[in-house]
Amino acid sequence: MLHLKSIGTPLVLALALLSLAGCDQAEKSAQQMLDQAAESAKQAIDKTNEAAQQALGDAIGHEGEKPKAAETEPRTQGI
């Protein structure tokens, strides 16, 4: 019985160290997944921003042409 107790303590410590090492590996994997998700989200935001800027530019450009065309028409004043 004394022999099992002397083996049990180092065995428990070894298992604890292995589980901590496993937790560390799981944490590293989770961090990598979060980094990848953050990078994907950043790319999606950048693409959305570019599309929004393009749409805004198109909208302003088309609306901006109408007043310019109106200004080029000769202005006459009726009496």
C-alpha atoms as a PDB file:
ATOM      1  CA  MET A   1       0.000   0.000   0.000  1.00  0.00           C
ATOM      2  CA  LEU A   2       2.852   2.370   0.793  1.00  0.00           C
ATOM      3  CA  HIS A   3       4.297   1.611  -2.633  1.00  0.00           C
ATOM      4  CA  LEU A   4       1.098   2.770  -4.445  1.00  0.00           C
ATOM      5  CA  LYS A   5       1.001   6.041  -2.510  1.00  0.00           C
ATOM      6  CA  SER A   6       4.603   6.819  -3.438  1.00  0.00           C
ATOM      7  CA  ILE A   7       3.818   6.209  -7.126  1.00  0.00           C
ATOM      8  CA  GLY A   8       0.456   7.993  -6.964  1.00  0.00           C
ATOM      9  CA  THR A   9       1.794  11.448  -6.105  1.00  0.00           C
ATOM     10  CA  PRO A  10       4.264  11.682  -9.015  1.00  0.00           C
ATOM     11  CA  LEU A  11       1.635  10.160 -11.299  1.00  0.00           C
ATOM     12  CA  VAL A  12      -0.915  12.803 -10.307  1.00  0.00           C
ATOM     13  CA  LEU A  13       1.677  15.540 -10.808  1.00  0.00           C
ATOM     14  CA  ALA A  14       2.622  14.142 -14.216  1.00  0.00           C
ATOM     15  CA  LEU A  15      -1.026  14.000 -15.269  1.00  0.00           C
ATOM     16  CA  ALA A  16      -1.533  17.558 -14.061  1.00  0.00           C
ATOM     17  CA  LEU A  17       1.450  18.732 -16.110  1.00  0.00           C
ATOM     18  CA  LEU A  18       0.174  16.901 -19.173  1.00  0.00           C
ATOM     19  CA  SER A  19      -3.260  18.456 -18.785  1.00  0.00           C
ATOM     20  CA  LEU A  20      -1.677  21.912 -18.410  1.00  0.00           C
ATOM     21  CA  ALA A  21       0.367  21.294 -21.545  1.00  0.00           C
ATOM     22  CA  GLY A  22      -2.836  20.263 -23.317  1.00  0.00           C
ATOM     23  CA  CYS A  23      -4.569  23.419 -22.116  1.00  0.00           C
ATOM     24  CA  ASP A  24      -1.667  25.518 -23.369  1.00  0.00           C
ATOM     25  CA  GLN A  25      -1.898  23.884 -26.780  1.00  0.00           C
ATOM     26  CA  ALA A  26      -5.662  24.399 -26.842  1.00  0.00           C
ATOM     27  CA  GLU A  27      -5.158  28.053 -25.921  1.00  0.00           C
ATOM     28  CA  LYS A  28      -2.639  28.501 -28.735  1.00  0.00           C
ATOM     29  CA  SER A  29      -5.015  26.877 -31.216  1.00  0.00           C
ATOM     30  CA  ALA A  30      -7.888  29.051 -30.042  1.00  0.00           C
ATOM     31  CA  GLN A  31      -5.719  32.161 -30.358  1.00  0.00           C
ATOM     32  CA  GLN A  32      -4.758  31.203 -33.917  1.00  0.00           C
ATOM     33  CA  MET A  33      -8.413  30.691 -34.804  1.00  0.00           C
ATOM     34  CA  LEU A  34      -9.320  34.065 -33.295  1.00  0.00           C
ATOM     35  CA  ASP A  35      -6.509  35.750 -35.217  1.00  0.00           C
ATOM     36  CA  GLN A  36      -7.712  34.184 -38.455  1.00  0.00           C
ATOM     37  CA  ALA A  37     -11.301  35.212 -37.738  1.00  0.00           C
ATOM     38  CA  ALA A  38     -10.179  38.757 -36.960  1.00  0.00           C
ATOM     39  CA  GLU A  39      -8.206  38.943 -40.204  1.00  0.00           C
ATOM     40  CA  SER A  40     -11.178  37.641 -42.195  1.00  0.00           C
ATOM     41  CA  ALA A  41     -13.459  40.171 -40.522  1.00  0.00           C
ATOM     42  CA  LYS A  42     -10.988  42.971 -41.285  1.00  0.00           C
ATOM     43  CA  GLN A  43     -10.867  41.969 -44.943  1.00  0.00           C
ATOM     44  CA  ALA A  44     -14.662  41.847 -45.112  1.00  0.00           C
ATOM     45  CA  ILE A  45     -14.906  45.292 -43.525  1.00  0.00           C
ATOM     46  CA  ASP A  46     -12.306  46.688 -45.930  1.00  0.00           C
ATOM     47  CA  LYS A  47     -14.151  45.267 -48.945  1.00  0.00           C
ATOM     48  CA  THR A  48     -17.474  46.585 -47.660  1.00  0.00           C
ATOM     49  CA  ASN A  49     -15.930  50.002 -47.091  1.00  0.00           C
ATOM     50  CA  GLU A  50     -14.491  50.057 -50.610  1.00  0.00           C
ATOM     51  CA  ALA A  51     -17.865  49.077 -52.075  1.00  0.00           C
ATOM     52  CA  ALA A  52     -19.629  51.744 -50.016  1.00  0.00           C
ATOM     53  CA  GLN A  53     -17.105  54.386 -51.081  1.00  0.00           C
ATOM     54  CA  GLN A  54     -17.574  53.377 -54.706  1.00  0.00           C
ATOM     55  CA  ALA A  55     -21.354  53.500 -54.410  1.00  0.00           C
ATOM     56  CA  LEU A  56     -21.187  56.881 -52.707  1.00  0.00           C
ATOM     57  CA  GLY A  57     -18.848  58.178 -55.385  1.00  0.00           C
ATOM     58  CA  ASP A  58     -21.167  56.922 -58.093  1.00  0.00           C
ATOM     59  CA  ALA A  59     -24.183  58.495 -56.408  1.00  0.00           C
ATOM     60  CA  ILE A  60     -22.465  61.828 -55.903  1.00  0.00           C
ATOM     61  CA  GLY A  61     -21.002  61.734 -59.394  1.00  0.00           C
ATOM     62  CA  HIS A  62     -24.368  61.131 -61.037  1.00  0.00           C
ATOM     63  CA  GLU A  63     -26.120  63.727 -58.916  1.00  0.00           C
ATOM     64  CA  GLY A  64     -23.238  66.146 -59.428  1.00  0.00           C
ATOM     65  CA  GLU A  65     -23.580  65.953 -63.201  1.00  0.00           C
ATOM     66  CA  LYS A  66     -27.199  67.154 -63.168  1.00  0.00           C
ATOM     67  CA  PRO A  67     -26.497  70.593 -61.700  1.00  0.00           C
ATOM     68  CA  LYS A  68     -23.507  71.023 -64.004  1.00  0.00           C
ATOM     69  CA  ALA A  69     -25.691  70.300 -67.015  1.00  0.00           C
ATOM     70  CA  ALA A  70     -28.273  72.786 -65.742  1.00  0.00           C
ATOM     71  CA  GLU A  71     -25.615  75.456 -65.324  1.00  0.00           C
ATOM     72  CA  THR A  72     -24.386  75.075 -68.893  1.00  0.00           C
ATOM     73  CA  GLU A  73     -27.818  75.818 -70.339  1.00  0.00           C
ATOM     74  CA  PRO A  74     -28.164  79.434 -71.345  1.00  0.00           C
ATOM     75  CA  ARG A  75     -30.105  81.446 -68.849  1.00  0.00           C
ATOM     76  CA  THR A  76     -32.706  83.704 -70.347  1.00  0.00           C
ATOM     77  CA  GLN A  77     -34.947  86.049 -68.562  1.00  0.00           C
ATOM     78  CA  GLY A  78     -38.409  86.547 -69.908  1.00  0.00           C
ATOM     79  CA  ILE A  79     -39.898  89.993 -69.946  1.00  0.00           C
END
